[in-house]
Amino acid sequence: MADGKCPVQEFLDSLPGKAAQKVAWTLNLIEDLDVVPSMHFKKLVNTEEIWECRAQLGCNAYRLFCFFDGHSLVVLTHGLVKKTQKTPQREIERAEAYRRDYLQRRLKK
């Protein structure tokens, strides 16, 4: 982010040990596999190219929002512990705002 904060790092740092390990395992899976099962990585419908990295530990669902820069770079925006079936619209809008900010800053370079 332009202000130097890293919402993804803040989210990961807030997780208990086993949850952080599960999220890290999921991110490694996404990095290593050519085709990732949708239970771990899925595009959110009706969004500006926002994807969701999904990790499950017990009854807790962890989500990291992200988007692609090119064909292989995945940019993580932020994360949350999902409490309801539906992804909160404000979190999708937040990810879309991070994406727009990223793309604008990249074009200025």
PDB file of N, CA and C in Angstrom:
ATOM      1  N   MET A   1       0.836  -1.182   0.000  1.00  0.00           N
ATOM      2  CA  MET A   1       0.000   0.000   0.000  1.00  0.00           C
ATOM      3  C   MET A   1       0.881   1.246   0.000  1.00  0.00           C
ATOM      4  N   ALA A   2       0.308   2.327  -0.439  1.00  0.00           N
ATOM      5  CA  ALA A   2       1.047   3.577  -0.531  1.00  0.00           C
ATOM      6  C   ALA A   2       1.488   4.084   0.840  1.00  0.00           C
ATOM      7  N   ASP A   3       0.722   3.790   1.897  1.00  0.00           N
ATOM      8  CA  ASP A   3       1.071   4.271   3.230  1.00  0.00           C
ATOM      9  C   ASP A   3       2.082   3.369   3.941  1.00  0.00           C
ATOM     10  N   GLY A   4       2.535   2.314   3.269  1.00  0.00           N
ATOM     11  CA  GLY A   4       3.549   1.441   3.836  1.00  0.00           C
ATOM     12  C   GLY A   4       3.010   0.305   4.688  1.00  0.00           C
ATOM     13  N   LYS A   5       1.711   0.282   4.929  1.00  0.00           N
ATOM     14  CA  LYS A   5       1.121  -0.801   5.720  1.00  0.00           C
ATOM     15  C   LYS A   5       0.947  -2.035   4.839  1.00  0.00           C
ATOM     16  N   CYS A   6       0.907  -3.184   5.475  1.00  0.00           N
ATOM     17  CA  CYS A   6       0.707  -4.442   4.754  1.00  0.00           C
ATOM     18  C   CYS A   6      -0.436  -5.213   5.426  1.00  0.00           C
ATOM     19  N   PRO A   7      -1.681  -5.014   4.964  1.00  0.00           N
ATOM     20  CA  PRO A   7      -2.828  -5.667   5.601  1.00  0.00           C
ATOM     21  C   PRO A   7      -2.727  -7.193   5.634  1.00  0.00           C
ATOM     22  N   VAL A   8      -2.115  -7.800   4.621  1.00  0.00           N
ATOM     23  CA  VAL A   8      -1.976  -9.259   4.608  1.00  0.00           C
ATOM     24  C   VAL A   8      -1.050  -9.702   5.741  1.00  0.00           C
ATOM     25  N   GLN A   9       0.070  -9.010   5.895  1.00  0.00           N
ATOM     26  CA  GLN A   9       1.010  -9.358   6.962  1.00  0.00           C
ATOM     27  C   GLN A   9       0.368  -9.164   8.333  1.00  0.00           C
ATOM     28  N   GLU A  10      -0.381  -8.079   8.493  1.00  0.00           N
ATOM     29  CA  GLU A  10      -1.074  -7.830   9.757  1.00  0.00           C
ATOM     30  C   GLU A  10      -2.070  -8.953  10.051  1.00  0.00           C
ATOM     31  N   PHE A  11      -2.794  -9.411   9.025  1.00  0.00           N
ATOM     32  CA  PHE A  11      -3.749 -10.501   9.211  1.00  0.00           C
ATOM     33  C   PHE A  11      -3.024 -11.789   9.591  1.00  0.00           C
ATOM     34  N   LEU A  12      -1.971 -12.123   8.853  1.00  0.00           N
ATOM     35  CA  LEU A  12      -1.231 -13.355   9.143  1.00  0.00           C
ATOM     36  C   LEU A  12      -0.623 -13.322  10.544  1.00  0.00           C
ATOM     37  N   ASP A  13      -0.106 -12.167  10.937  1.00  0.00           N
ATOM     38  CA  ASP A  13       0.476 -12.032  12.272  1.00  0.00           C
ATOM     39  C   ASP A  13      -0.561 -12.180  13.376  1.00  0.00           C
ATOM     40  N   SER A  14      -1.821 -11.915  13.064  1.00  0.00           N
ATOM     41  CA  SER A  14      -2.890 -11.999  14.060  1.00  0.00           C
ATOM     42  C   SER A  14      -3.402 -13.424  14.272  1.00  0.00           C
ATOM     43  N   LEU A  15      -3.037 -14.334  13.374  1.00  0.00           N
ATOM     44  CA  LEU A  15      -3.563 -15.704  13.449  1.00  0.00           C
ATOM     45  C   LEU A  15      -2.827 -16.537  14.491  1.00  0.00           C
ATOM     46  N   PRO A  16      -3.557 -17.447  15.158  1.00  0.00           N
ATOM     47  CA  PRO A  16      -2.879 -18.408  16.029  1.00  0.00           C
ATOM     48  C   PRO A  16      -1.980 -19.329  15.191  1.00  0.00           C
ATOM     49  N   GLY A  17      -1.003 -19.966  15.809  1.00  0.00           N
ATOM     50  CA  GLY A  17       0.013 -20.751  15.117  1.00  0.00           C
ATOM     51  C   GLY A  17      -0.505 -21.752  14.099  1.00  0.00           C
ATOM     52  N   LYS A  18      -1.425 -22.616  14.501  1.00  0.00           N
ATOM     53  CA  LYS A  18      -1.915 -23.657  13.592  1.00  0.00           C
ATOM     54  C   LYS A  18      -2.686 -23.049  12.410  1.00  0.00           C
ATOM     55  N   ALA A  19      -3.425 -21.991  12.656  1.00  0.00           N
ATOM     56  CA  ALA A  19      -4.157 -21.325  11.569  1.00  0.00           C
ATOM     57  C   ALA A  19      -3.178 -20.688  10.589  1.00  0.00           C
ATOM     58  N   ALA A  20      -2.142 -20.047  11.104  1.00  0.00           N
ATOM     59  CA  ALA A  20      -1.128 -19.442  10.229  1.00  0.00           C
ATOM     60  C   ALA A  20      -0.437 -20.515   9.399  1.00  0.00           C
ATOM     61  N   GLN A  21      -0.169 -21.667  10.001  1.00  0.00           N
ATOM     62  CA  GLN A  21       0.455 -22.776   9.262  1.00  0.00           C
ATOM     63  C   GLN A  21      -0.461 -23.265   8.150  1.00  0.00           C
ATOM     64  N   LYS A  22      -1.749 -23.365   8.421  1.00  0.00           N
ATOM     65  CA  LYS A  22      -2.699 -23.846   7.413  1.00  0.00           C
ATOM     66  C   LYS A  22      -2.806 -22.851   6.261  1.00  0.00           C
ATOM     67  N   VAL A  23      -2.846 -21.560   6.575  1.00  0.00           N
ATOM     68  CA  VAL A  23      -2.902 -20.538   5.523  1.00  0.00           C
ATOM     69  C   VAL A  23      -1.624 -20.587   4.693  1.00  0.00           C
ATOM     70  N   ALA A  24      -0.481 -20.710   5.345  1.00  0.00           N
ATOM     71  CA  ALA A  24       0.799 -20.797   4.620  1.00  0.00           C
ATOM     72  C   ALA A  24       0.822 -22.036   3.729  1.00  0.00           C
ATOM     73  N   TRP A  25       0.314 -23.159   4.230  1.00  0.00           N
ATOM     74  CA  TRP A  25       0.253 -24.390   3.437  1.00  0.00           C
ATOM     75  C   TRP A  25      -0.602 -24.170   2.190  1.00  0.00           C
ATOM     76  N   THR A  26      -1.735 -23.481   2.357  1.00  0.00           N
ATOM     77  CA  THR A  26      -2.631 -23.205   1.228  1.00  0.00           C
ATOM     78  C   THR A  26      -1.944 -22.311   0.199  1.00  0.00           C
ATOM     79  N   LEU A  27      -1.242 -21.290   0.667  1.00  0.00           N
ATOM     80  CA  LEU A  27      -0.528 -20.405  -0.254  1.00  0.00           C
ATOM     81  C   LEU A  27       0.563 -21.159  -1.014  1.00  0.00           C
ATOM     82  N   ASN A  28       1.262 -22.065  -0.339  1.00  0.00           N
ATOM     83  CA  ASN A  28       2.271 -22.891  -1.018  1.00  0.00           C
ATOM     84  C   ASN A  28       1.631 -23.783  -2.069  1.00  0.00           C
ATOM     85  N   LEU A  29       0.479 -24.342  -1.758  1.00  0.00           N
ATOM     86  CA  LEU A  29      -0.249 -25.180  -2.709  1.00  0.00           C
ATOM     87  C   LEU A  29      -0.599 -24.384  -3.966  1.00  0.00           C
ATOM     88  N   ILE A  30      -1.091 -23.166  -3.770  1.00  0.00           N
ATOM     89  CA  ILE A  30      -1.456 -22.309  -4.899  1.00  0.00           C
ATOM     90  C   ILE A  30      -0.228 -21.986  -5.740  1.00  0.00           C
ATOM     91  N   GLU A  31       0.892 -21.781  -5.086  1.00  0.00           N
ATOM     92  CA  GLU A  31       2.131 -21.468  -5.800  1.00  0.00           C
ATOM     93  C   GLU A  31       2.654 -22.673  -6.589  1.00  0.00           C
ATOM     94  N   ASP A  32       2.504 -23.873  -6.031  1.00  0.00           N
ATOM     95  CA  ASP A  32       3.112 -25.063  -6.618  1.00  0.00           C
ATOM     96  C   ASP A  32       2.287 -25.753  -7.695  1.00  0.00           C
ATOM     97  N   LEU A  33       0.963 -25.682  -7.607  1.00  0.00           N
ATOM     98  CA  LEU A  33       0.109 -26.421  -8.542  1.00  0.00           C
ATOM     99  C   LEU A  33      -0.238 -25.591  -9.774  1.00  0.00           C
ATOM    100  N   ASP A  34      -0.312 -26.259 -10.916  1.00  0.00           N
ATOM    101  CA  ASP A  34      -0.755 -25.591 -12.140  1.00  0.00           C
ATOM    102  C   ASP A  34      -2.264 -25.362 -12.125  1.00  0.00           C
ATOM    103  N   VAL A  35      -2.999 -26.336 -11.591  1.00  0.00           N
ATOM    104  CA  VAL A  35      -4.450 -26.222 -11.468  1.00  0.00           C
ATOM    105  C   VAL A  35      -4.790 -26.420  -9.991  1.00  0.00           C
ATOM    106  N   VAL A  36      -5.303 -25.376  -9.372  1.00  0.00           N
ATOM    107  CA  VAL A  36      -5.602 -25.413  -7.939  1.00  0.00           C
ATOM    108  C   VAL A  36      -7.088 -25.690  -7.753  1.00  0.00           C
ATOM    109  N   PRO A  37      -7.433 -26.661  -6.899  1.00  0.00           N
ATOM    110  CA  PRO A  37      -8.854 -26.943  -6.653  1.00  0.00           C
ATOM    111  C   PRO A  37      -9.582 -25.711  -6.111  1.00  0.00           C
ATOM    112  N   SER A  38     -10.839 -25.537  -6.510  1.00  0.00           N
ATOM    113  CA  SER A  38     -11.602 -24.362  -6.097  1.00  0.00           C
ATOM    114  C   SER A  38     -11.835 -24.315  -4.593  1.00  0.00           C
ATOM    115  N   MET A  39     -11.664 -25.432  -3.920  1.00  0.00           N
ATOM    116  CA  MET A  39     -11.799 -25.384  -2.457  1.00  0.00           C
ATOM    117  C   MET A  39     -10.672 -24.567  -1.825  1.00  0.00           C
ATOM    118  N   HIS A  40      -9.589 -24.303  -2.586  1.00  0.00           N
ATOM    119  CA  HIS A  40      -8.461 -23.523  -2.077  1.00  0.00           C
ATOM    120  C   HIS A  40      -8.280 -22.177  -2.768  1.00  0.00           C
ATOM    121  N   PHE A  41      -8.814 -22.031  -3.987  1.00  0.00           N
ATOM    122  CA  PHE A  41      -8.570 -20.816  -4.760  1.00  0.00           C
ATOM    123  C   PHE A  41      -9.720 -20.632  -5.737  1.00  0.00           C
ATOM    124  N   LYS A  42     -10.452 -19.515  -5.600  1.00  0.00           N
ATOM    125  CA  LYS A  42     -11.647 -19.345  -6.417  1.00  0.00           C
ATOM    126  C   LYS A  42     -11.871 -17.872  -6.741  1.00  0.00           C
ATOM    127  N   LYS A  43     -12.277 -17.601  -7.990  1.00  0.00           N
ATOM    128  CA  LYS A  43     -12.629 -16.236  -8.382  1.00  0.00           C
ATOM    129  C   LYS A  43     -13.989 -15.899  -7.787  1.00  0.00           C
ATOM    130  N   LEU A  44     -14.090 -14.699  -7.232  1.00  0.00           N
ATOM    131  CA  LEU A  44     -15.366 -14.245  -6.695  1.00  0.00           C
ATOM    132  C   LEU A  44     -16.198 -13.657  -7.830  1.00  0.00           C
ATOM    133  N   VAL A  45     -17.414 -14.116  -7.968  1.00  0.00           N
ATOM    134  CA  VAL A  45     -18.280 -13.669  -9.062  1.00  0.00           C
ATOM    135  C   VAL A  45     -18.683 -12.214  -8.841  1.00  0.00           C
ATOM    136  N   ASN A  46     -18.935 -11.521  -9.944  1.00  0.00           N
ATOM    137  CA  ASN A  46     -19.363 -10.119  -9.936  1.00  0.00           C
ATOM    138  C   ASN A  46     -18.364  -9.202  -9.221  1.00  0.00           C
ATOM    139  N   THR A  47     -17.069  -9.464  -9.433  1.00  0.00           N
ATOM    140  CA  THR A  47     -16.033  -8.622  -8.847  1.00  0.00           C
ATOM    141  C   THR A  47     -15.091  -8.152  -9.950  1.00  0.00           C
ATOM    142  N   GLU A  48     -14.241  -7.199  -9.602  1.00  0.00           N
ATOM    143  CA  GLU A  48     -13.213  -6.708 -10.521  1.00  0.00           C
ATOM    144  C   GLU A  48     -11.993  -7.625 -10.443  1.00  0.00           C
ATOM    145  N   GLU A  49     -12.151  -8.867 -10.893  1.00  0.00           N
ATOM    146  CA  GLU A  49     -11.051  -9.843 -10.940  1.00  0.00           C
ATOM    147  C   GLU A  49     -10.458 -10.156  -9.567  1.00  0.00           C
ATOM    148  N   ILE A  50     -11.307 -10.225  -8.553  1.00  0.00           N
ATOM    149  CA  ILE A  50     -10.859 -10.566  -7.208  1.00  0.00           C
ATOM    150  C   ILE A  50     -11.011 -12.073  -7.003  1.00  0.00           C
ATOM    151  N   TRP A  51      -9.956 -12.659  -6.457  1.00  0.00           N
ATOM    152  CA  TRP A  51      -9.914 -14.083  -6.141  1.00  0.00           C
ATOM    153  C   TRP A  51      -9.826 -14.254  -4.640  1.00  0.00           C
ATOM    154  N   GLU A  52     -10.122 -15.468  -4.185  1.00  0.00           N
ATOM    155  CA  GLU A  52     -10.123 -15.772  -2.767  1.00  0.00           C
ATOM    156  C   GLU A  52      -9.260 -17.009  -2.531  1.00  0.00           C
ATOM    157  N   CYS A  53      -8.239 -16.875  -1.693  1.00  0.00           N
ATOM    158  CA  CYS A  53      -7.463 -18.027  -1.216  1.00  0.00           C
ATOM    159  C   CYS A  53      -8.202 -18.523   0.011  1.00  0.00           C
ATOM    160  N   ARG A  54      -8.481 -19.824   0.035  1.00  0.00           N
ATOM    161  CA  ARG A  54      -9.342 -20.360   1.080  1.00  0.00           C
ATOM    162  C   ARG A  54      -8.613 -21.421   1.899  1.00  0.00           C
ATOM    163  N   ALA A  55      -8.637 -21.234   3.210  1.00  0.00           N
ATOM    164  CA  ALA A  55      -8.059 -22.218   4.125  1.00  0.00           C
ATOM    165  C   ALA A  55      -9.088 -22.526   5.208  1.00  0.00           C
ATOM    166  N   GLN A  56      -9.150 -23.783   5.592  1.00  0.00           N
ATOM    167  CA  GLN A  56     -10.111 -24.226   6.598  1.00  0.00           C
ATOM    168  C   GLN A  56      -9.338 -24.951   7.697  1.00  0.00           C
ATOM    169  N   LEU A  57      -9.624 -24.610   8.934  1.00  0.00           N
ATOM    170  CA  LEU A  57      -9.029 -25.307  10.073  1.00  0.00           C
ATOM    171  C   LEU A  57     -10.122 -25.486  11.108  1.00  0.00           C
ATOM    172  N   GLY A  58     -10.536 -26.724  11.293  1.00  0.00           N
ATOM    173  CA  GLY A  58     -11.669 -26.985  12.173  1.00  0.00           C
ATOM    174  C   GLY A  58     -12.906 -26.314  11.610  1.00  0.00           C
ATOM    175  N   CYS A  59     -13.585 -25.552  12.451  1.00  0.00           N
ATOM    176  CA  CYS A  59     -14.794 -24.858  11.976  1.00  0.00           C
ATOM    177  C   CYS A  59     -14.501 -23.429  11.536  1.00  0.00           C
ATOM    178  N   ASN A  60     -13.225 -23.048  11.519  1.00  0.00           N
ATOM    179  CA  ASN A  60     -12.859 -21.693  11.105  1.00  0.00           C
ATOM    180  C   ASN A  60     -12.446 -21.650   9.638  1.00  0.00           C
ATOM    181  N   ALA A  61     -12.980 -20.658   8.932  1.00  0.00           N
ATOM    182  CA  ALA A  61     -12.649 -20.451   7.524  1.00  0.00           C
ATOM    183  C   ALA A  61     -11.832 -19.171   7.404  1.00  0.00           C
ATOM    184  N   TYR A  62     -10.659 -19.289   6.806  1.00  0.00           N
ATOM    185  CA  TYR A  62      -9.763 -18.150   6.621  1.00  0.00           C
ATOM    186  C   TYR A  62      -9.736 -17.798   5.142  1.00  0.00           C
ATOM    187  N   ARG A  63      -9.823 -16.503   4.853  1.00  0.00           N
ATOM    188  CA  ARG A  63      -9.838 -16.049   3.469  1.00  0.00           C
ATOM    189  C   ARG A  63      -8.817 -14.943   3.262  1.00  0.00           C
ATOM    190  N   LEU A  64      -8.066 -15.070   2.171  1.00  0.00           N
ATOM    191  CA  LEU A  64      -7.164 -14.016   1.721  1.00  0.00           C
ATOM    192  C   LEU A  64      -7.666 -13.563   0.362  1.00  0.00           C
ATOM    193  N   PHE A  65      -7.845 -12.275   0.195  1.00  0.00           N
ATOM    194  CA  PHE A  65      -8.290 -11.737  -1.075  1.00  0.00           C
ATOM    195  C   PHE A  65      -7.071 -11.392  -1.917  1.00  0.00           C
ATOM    196  N   CYS A  66      -7.213 -11.565  -3.227  1.00  0.00           N
ATOM    197  CA  CYS A  66      -6.070 -11.339  -4.097  1.00  0.00           C
ATOM    198  C   CYS A  66      -6.534 -11.082  -5.530  1.00  0.00           C
ATOM    199  N   PHE A  67      -5.552 -10.754  -6.383  1.00  0.00           N
ATOM    200  CA  PHE A  67      -5.803 -10.567  -7.809  1.00  0.00           C
ATOM    201  C   PHE A  67      -4.517 -10.891  -8.555  1.00  0.00           C
ATOM    202  N   PHE A  68      -4.639 -11.072  -9.853  1.00  0.00           N
ATOM    203  CA  PHE A  68      -3.488 -11.385 -10.694  1.00  0.00           C
ATOM    204  C   PHE A  68      -2.884 -10.109 -11.267  1.00  0.00           C
ATOM    205  N   ASP A  69      -1.564 -10.088 -11.342  1.00  0.00           N
ATOM    206  CA  ASP A  69      -0.826  -9.077 -12.099  1.00  0.00           C
ATOM    207  C   ASP A  69      -0.097  -9.874 -13.169  1.00  0.00           C
ATOM    208  N   GLY A  70      -0.641  -9.890 -14.368  1.00  0.00           N
ATOM    209  CA  GLY A  70      -0.105 -10.754 -15.421  1.00  0.00           C
ATOM    210  C   GLY A  70      -0.665 -12.156 -15.265  1.00  0.00           C
ATOM    211  N   HIS A  71       0.095 -13.137 -15.764  1.00  0.00           N
ATOM    212  CA  HIS A  71      -0.410 -14.517 -15.754  1.00  0.00           C
ATOM    213  C   HIS A  71      -0.010 -15.310 -14.520  1.00  0.00           C
ATOM    214  N   SER A  72       1.061 -14.894 -13.848  1.00  0.00           N
ATOM    215  CA  SER A  72       1.537 -15.753 -12.768  1.00  0.00           C
ATOM    216  C   SER A  72       1.732 -15.057 -11.424  1.00  0.00           C
ATOM    217  N   LEU A  73       1.727 -13.729 -11.375  1.00  0.00           N
ATOM    218  CA  LEU A  73       1.906 -13.030 -10.105  1.00  0.00           C
ATOM    219  C   LEU A  73       0.560 -12.809  -9.443  1.00  0.00           C
ATOM    220  N   VAL A  74       0.427 -13.324  -8.218  1.00  0.00           N
ATOM    221  CA  VAL A  74      -0.791 -13.135  -7.432  1.00  0.00           C
ATOM    222  C   VAL A  74      -0.476 -12.122  -6.341  1.00  0.00           C
ATOM    223  N   VAL A  75      -1.255 -11.042  -6.298  1.00  0.00           N
ATOM    224  CA  VAL A  75      -1.065  -9.987  -5.305  1.00  0.00           C
ATOM    225  C   VAL A  75      -2.126 -10.164  -4.211  1.00  0.00           C
ATOM    226  N   LEU A  76      -1.675 -10.401  -2.979  1.00  0.00           N
ATOM    227  CA  LEU A  76      -2.585 -10.555  -1.843  1.00  0.00           C
ATOM    228  C   LEU A  76      -2.949  -9.179  -1.302  1.00  0.00           C
ATOM    229  N   THR A  77      -4.231  -8.961  -1.012  1.00  0.00           N
ATOM    230  CA  THR A  77      -4.658  -7.657  -0.513  1.00  0.00           C
ATOM    231  C   THR A  77      -4.856  -7.654   0.998  1.00  0.00           C
ATOM    232  N   HIS A  78      -5.678  -8.549   1.513  1.00  0.00           N
ATOM    233  CA  HIS A  78      -5.959  -8.608   2.944  1.00  0.00           C
ATOM    234  C   HIS A  78      -6.666  -9.916   3.248  1.00  0.00           C
ATOM    235  N   GLY A  79      -6.892 -10.183   4.507  1.00  0.00           N
ATOM    236  CA  GLY A  79      -7.538 -11.425   4.896  1.00  0.00           C
ATOM    237  C   GLY A  79      -8.577 -11.218   5.971  1.00  0.00           C
ATOM    238  N   LEU A  80      -9.337 -12.286   6.215  1.00  0.00           N
ATOM    239  CA  LEU A  80     -10.346 -12.261   7.270  1.00  0.00           C
ATOM    240  C   LEU A  80     -10.657 -13.683   7.709  1.00  0.00           C
ATOM    241  N   VAL A  81     -11.242 -13.775   8.890  1.00  0.00           N
ATOM    242  CA  VAL A  81     -11.814 -15.036   9.348  1.00  0.00           C
ATOM    243  C   VAL A  81     -13.284 -14.947   8.974  1.00  0.00           C
ATOM    244  N   LYS A  82     -13.718 -15.862   8.130  1.00  0.00           N
ATOM    245  CA  LYS A  82     -15.075 -15.798   7.589  1.00  0.00           C
ATOM    246  C   LYS A  82     -16.059 -16.357   8.614  1.00  0.00           C
ATOM    247  N   LYS A  83     -17.048 -15.555   8.952  1.00  0.00           N
ATOM    248  CA  LYS A  83     -18.025 -15.933   9.985  1.00  0.00           C
ATOM    249  C   LYS A  83     -19.371 -16.353   9.407  1.00  0.00           C
ATOM    250  N   THR A  84     -19.635 -15.956   8.161  1.00  0.00           N
ATOM    251  CA  THR A  84     -20.929 -16.257   7.546  1.00  0.00           C
ATOM    252  C   THR A  84     -20.704 -16.972   6.217  1.00  0.00           C
ATOM    253  N   GLN A  85     -21.774 -17.519   5.661  1.00  0.00           N
ATOM    254  CA  GLN A  85     -21.699 -18.221   4.383  1.00  0.00           C
ATOM    255  C   GLN A  85     -21.304 -17.274   3.258  1.00  0.00           C
ATOM    256  N   LYS A  86     -21.859 -16.068   3.291  1.00  0.00           N
ATOM    257  CA  LYS A  86     -21.635 -15.096   2.219  1.00  0.00           C
ATOM    258  C   LYS A  86     -20.434 -14.208   2.562  1.00  0.00           C
ATOM    259  N   THR A  87     -19.602 -13.947   1.553  1.00  0.00           N
ATOM    260  CA  THR A  87     -18.464 -13.055   1.732  1.00  0.00           C
ATOM    261  C   THR A  87     -18.988 -11.618   1.879  1.00  0.00           C
ATOM    262  N   PRO A  88     -18.584 -10.920   2.950  1.00  0.00           N
ATOM    263  CA  PRO A  88     -19.079  -9.545   3.153  1.00  0.00           C
ATOM    264  C   PRO A  88     -18.722  -8.630   1.980  1.00  0.00           C
ATOM    265  N   GLN A  89     -19.712  -7.899   1.481  1.00  0.00           N
ATOM    266  CA  GLN A  89     -19.522  -7.020   0.330  1.00  0.00           C
ATOM    267  C   GLN A  89     -18.457  -5.970   0.613  1.00  0.00           C
ATOM    268  N   ARG A  90     -18.392  -5.456   1.822  1.00  0.00           N
ATOM    269  CA  ARG A  90     -17.401  -4.410   2.141  1.00  0.00           C
ATOM    270  C   ARG A  90     -15.980  -4.947   2.013  1.00  0.00           C
ATOM    271  N   GLU A  91     -15.774  -6.256   2.254  1.00  0.00           N
ATOM    272  CA  GLU A  91     -14.442  -6.851   2.113  1.00  0.00           C
ATOM    273  C   GLU A  91     -14.073  -7.000   0.636  1.00  0.00           C
ATOM    274  N   ILE A  92     -15.068  -7.317  -0.196  1.00  0.00           N
ATOM    275  CA  ILE A  92     -14.833  -7.389  -1.642  1.00  0.00           C
ATOM    276  C   ILE A  92     -14.491  -5.995  -2.171  1.00  0.00           C
ATOM    277  N   GLU A  93     -15.242  -4.997  -1.730  1.00  0.00           N
ATOM    278  CA  GLU A  93     -14.983  -3.617  -2.160  1.00  0.00           C
ATOM    279  C   GLU A  93     -13.601  -3.158  -1.704  1.00  0.00           C
ATOM    280  N   ARG A  94     -13.204  -3.566  -0.523  1.00  0.00           N
ATOM    281  CA  ARG A  94     -11.866  -3.228  -0.022  1.00  0.00           C
ATOM    282  C   ARG A  94     -10.791  -3.839  -0.923  1.00  0.00           C
ATOM    283  N   ALA A  95     -10.961  -5.107  -1.299  1.00  0.00           N
ATOM    284  CA  ALA A  95     -10.002  -5.773  -2.183  1.00  0.00           C
ATOM    285  C   ALA A  95      -9.962  -5.089  -3.547  1.00  0.00           C
ATOM    286  N   GLU A  96     -11.120  -4.694  -4.067  1.00  0.00           N
ATOM    287  CA  GLU A  96     -11.170  -4.004  -5.354  1.00  0.00           C
ATOM    288  C   GLU A  96     -10.464  -2.647  -5.269  1.00  0.00           C
ATOM    289  N   ALA A  97     -10.627  -1.947  -4.153  1.00  0.00           N
ATOM    290  CA  ALA A  97      -9.951  -0.654  -3.975  1.00  0.00           C
ATOM    291  C   ALA A  97      -8.436  -0.855  -3.921  1.00  0.00           C
ATOM    292  N   TYR A  98      -7.967  -1.891  -3.219  1.00  0.00           N
ATOM    293  CA  TYR A  98      -6.533  -2.191  -3.179  1.00  0.00           C
ATOM    294  C   TYR A  98      -6.018  -2.507  -4.576  1.00  0.00           C
ATOM    295  N   ARG A  99      -6.806  -3.249  -5.357  1.00  0.00           N
ATOM    296  CA  ARG A  99      -6.396  -3.602  -6.721  1.00  0.00           C
ATOM    297  C   ARG A  99      -6.259  -2.345  -7.580  1.00  0.00           C
ATOM    298  N   ARG A 100      -7.264  -1.473  -7.527  1.00  0.00           N
ATOM    299  CA  ARG A 100      -7.208  -0.228  -8.312  1.00  0.00           C
ATOM    300  C   ARG A 100      -6.000   0.613  -7.907  1.00  0.00           C
ATOM    301  N   ASP A 101      -5.752   0.733  -6.606  1.00  0.00           N
ATOM    302  CA  ASP A 101      -4.605   1.499  -6.111  1.00  0.00           C
ATOM    303  C   ASP A 101      -3.295   0.893  -6.613  1.00  0.00           C
ATOM    304  N   TYR A 102      -3.175  -0.422  -6.542  1.00  0.00           N
ATOM    305  CA  TYR A 102      -1.976  -1.118  -7.001  1.00  0.00           C
ATOM    306  C   TYR A 102      -1.737  -0.857  -8.490  1.00  0.00           C
ATOM    307  N   LEU A 103      -2.786  -1.023  -9.281  1.00  0.00           N
ATOM    308  CA  LEU A 103      -2.646  -0.849 -10.727  1.00  0.00           C
ATOM    309  C   LEU A 103      -2.303   0.592 -11.092  1.00  0.00           C
ATOM    310  N   GLN A 104      -2.881   1.565 -10.389  1.00  0.00           N
ATOM    311  CA  GLN A 104      -2.544   2.962 -10.657  1.00  0.00           C
ATOM    312  C   GLN A 104      -1.099   3.254 -10.302  1.00  0.00           C
ATOM    313  N   ARG A 105      -0.639   2.761  -9.156  1.00  0.00           N
ATOM    314  CA  ARG A 105       0.749   2.993  -8.753  1.00  0.00           C
ATOM    315  C   ARG A 105       1.728   2.295  -9.692  1.00  0.00           C
ATOM    316  N   ARG A 106       1.365   1.114 -10.184  1.00  0.00           N
ATOM    317  CA  ARG A 106       2.232   0.379 -11.107  1.00  0.00           C
ATOM    318  C   ARG A 106       2.387   1.125 -12.424  1.00  0.00           C
ATOM    319  N   LEU A 107       1.311   1.751 -12.886  1.00  0.00           N
ATOM    320  CA  LEU A 107       1.363   2.486 -14.147  1.00  0.00           C
ATOM    321  C   LEU A 107       2.251   3.720 -14.038  1.00  0.00           C
ATOM    322  N   LYS A 108       2.380   4.294 -12.854  1.00  0.00           N
ATOM    323  CA  LYS A 108       3.174   5.500 -12.648  1.00  0.00           C
ATOM    324  C   LYS A 108       4.674   5.225 -12.653  1.00  0.00           C
ATOM    325  N   LYS A 109       5.054   3.950 -12.522  1.00  0.00           N
ATOM    326  CA  LYS A 109       6.481   3.609 -12.471  1.00  0.00           C
ATOM    327  C   LYS A 109       7.130   3.673 -13.824  1.00  0.00           C
TER     328      LYS A 109
END
